[in-house]
Protein backbone atom coordinates (compact mmCIF):
# COMPACT_ATOMS: atom_id res chain seq x y z
CA THR A 1 -30.36 -4.26 6.46
CA ARG A 2 -29.78 -3.07 2.79
CA LEU A 3 -26.60 -1.37 1.80
CA GLY A 4 -27.27 1.97 0.02
CA PRO A 5 -24.95 3.51 -2.59
CA ILE A 6 -23.49 6.10 0.00
CA ASP A 7 -22.94 3.17 2.50
CA ALA A 8 -21.31 1.04 -0.24
CA ILE A 9 -18.93 3.85 -1.13
CA TRP A 10 -17.90 4.35 2.54
CA HIS A 11 -17.40 0.69 2.89
CA VAL A 12 -15.07 0.50 -0.02
CA LEU A 13 -13.16 3.56 1.15
CA ASN A 14 -12.80 2.19 4.68
CA PHE A 15 -11.57 -1.13 3.19
CA PHE A 16 -8.79 0.40 1.31
CA ALA A 17 -7.86 3.10 3.86
CA PRO A 18 -4.95 1.03 5.42
CA ALA A 19 -3.52 0.30 2.00
CA VAL A 20 -3.62 4.01 1.13
CA GLY A 21 -2.23 5.09 4.46
CA VAL A 22 0.74 2.74 4.39
CA GLY A 23 1.20 3.34 0.70
CA LEU A 24 1.60 7.17 1.28
CA LEU A 25 3.51 7.20 4.56
CA ALA A 26 5.99 4.47 3.94
CA PRO A 27 7.41 6.18 0.84
CA ALA A 28 7.63 9.63 2.64
CA PHE A 29 9.69 7.92 5.51
CA ALA A 30 11.93 6.16 2.97
CA LYS A 31 12.69 9.40 1.15
CA LEU A 32 13.61 11.02 4.55
CA LEU A 33 15.81 8.07 5.57
CA TRP A 34 17.48 7.46 2.33
CA ARG A 35 17.50 11.09 1.03
CA ARG A 36 20.64 10.85 -1.28
CA ASP A 37 19.87 7.30 -2.48
CA LEU A 38 16.30 8.00 -3.43
CA LYS A 39 16.77 11.43 -4.83
CA ALA A 40 16.40 10.29 -8.48
CA VAL A 41 13.09 8.48 -7.68
CA SER A 42 9.96 10.66 -7.21
CA TRP A 43 7.83 10.27 -4.17
CA THR A 44 4.81 10.03 -6.52
CA ARG A 45 6.24 6.90 -8.19
CA LEU A 46 7.12 5.35 -4.96
CA SER A 47 3.74 5.95 -3.48
CA ALA A 48 1.81 4.80 -6.54
CA TRP A 49 3.53 1.48 -6.64
CA ALA A 50 3.28 1.03 -2.89
CA THR A 51 -0.42 1.88 -2.61
CA ALA A 52 -1.23 -0.46 -5.68
CA CYS A 53 0.65 -3.34 -4.17
CA CYS A 54 -0.88 -2.78 -0.54
CA ALA A 55 -4.24 -2.64 -2.18
CA GLY A 56 -3.63 -5.87 -3.96
CA VAL A 57 -2.54 -7.47 -0.70
CA GLN A 58 -5.91 -6.22 0.92
CA VAL A 59 -8.00 -7.70 -1.84
CA ALA A 60 -5.93 -11.08 -1.66
CA GLY A 61 -6.38 -11.17 2.03
CA LEU A 62 -10.21 -10.70 1.59
CA ALA A 63 -10.35 -13.45 -0.82
CA VAL A 64 -8.15 -15.91 1.32
CA PHE A 65 -9.75 -15.18 4.68
CA GLY A 66 -13.24 -14.24 3.71
CA HIS A 67 -13.24 -10.96 5.50
CA ASP A 68 -11.02 -8.06 6.19
CA GLY A 69 -9.04 -6.85 9.11
CA LYS A 70 -6.88 -9.94 9.70
CA MET A 71 -3.45 -9.19 11.23
CA ALA A 72 -1.81 -11.61 8.84
CA THR A 73 -3.14 -9.49 5.98
CA TYR A 74 -1.77 -6.34 7.46
CA ALA A 75 1.66 -7.93 8.23
CA THR A 76 1.82 -9.13 4.68
CA MET A 77 0.87 -5.63 3.44
CA VAL A 78 3.73 -4.08 5.35
CA ALA A 79 6.11 -6.76 4.07
CA VAL A 80 4.95 -6.27 0.42
CA CYS A 81 5.24 -2.41 0.82
CA ALA A 82 8.87 -2.67 1.94
CA LEU A 83 9.68 -4.95 -1.00
CA THR A 84 7.97 -2.80 -3.33
CA LEU A 85 9.81 0.31 -2.07
CA TRP A 86 13.07 -1.48 -2.30
CA TRP A 87 12.34 -2.76 -5.89
CA VAL A 88 11.28 0.68 -7.14
CA GLY A 89 13.83 2.75 -5.25
CA PHE A 90 16.80 0.51 -5.34
CA GLY A 91 16.20 -2.27 -7.69
CA PRO A 92 17.61 -2.83 -11.17
CA ARG A 93 14.97 -0.66 -13.00
CA ARG A 94 15.00 2.37 -10.49
CA ARG A 95 15.05 5.06 -13.29
């Protein structure tokens, strides 16, 4: 079967959906848990960095495993998101 342009768009959107979901929800929960500590860092900045890093892990997982949906990719995505939030929110260049 041939992949039409609309199908291709949906395929790409669904591929990046887990990265966007984790990249938007994790900073929201972090801002709730560490309200005082993360007051100076905007949610937009945290979510932009987290989403970009999660999307990079998704692409790397596709390159390494040859297809998406591997649990190893998702586990790595969560770990990288946590490290990114720590670096942007609490790291040496937080402001």
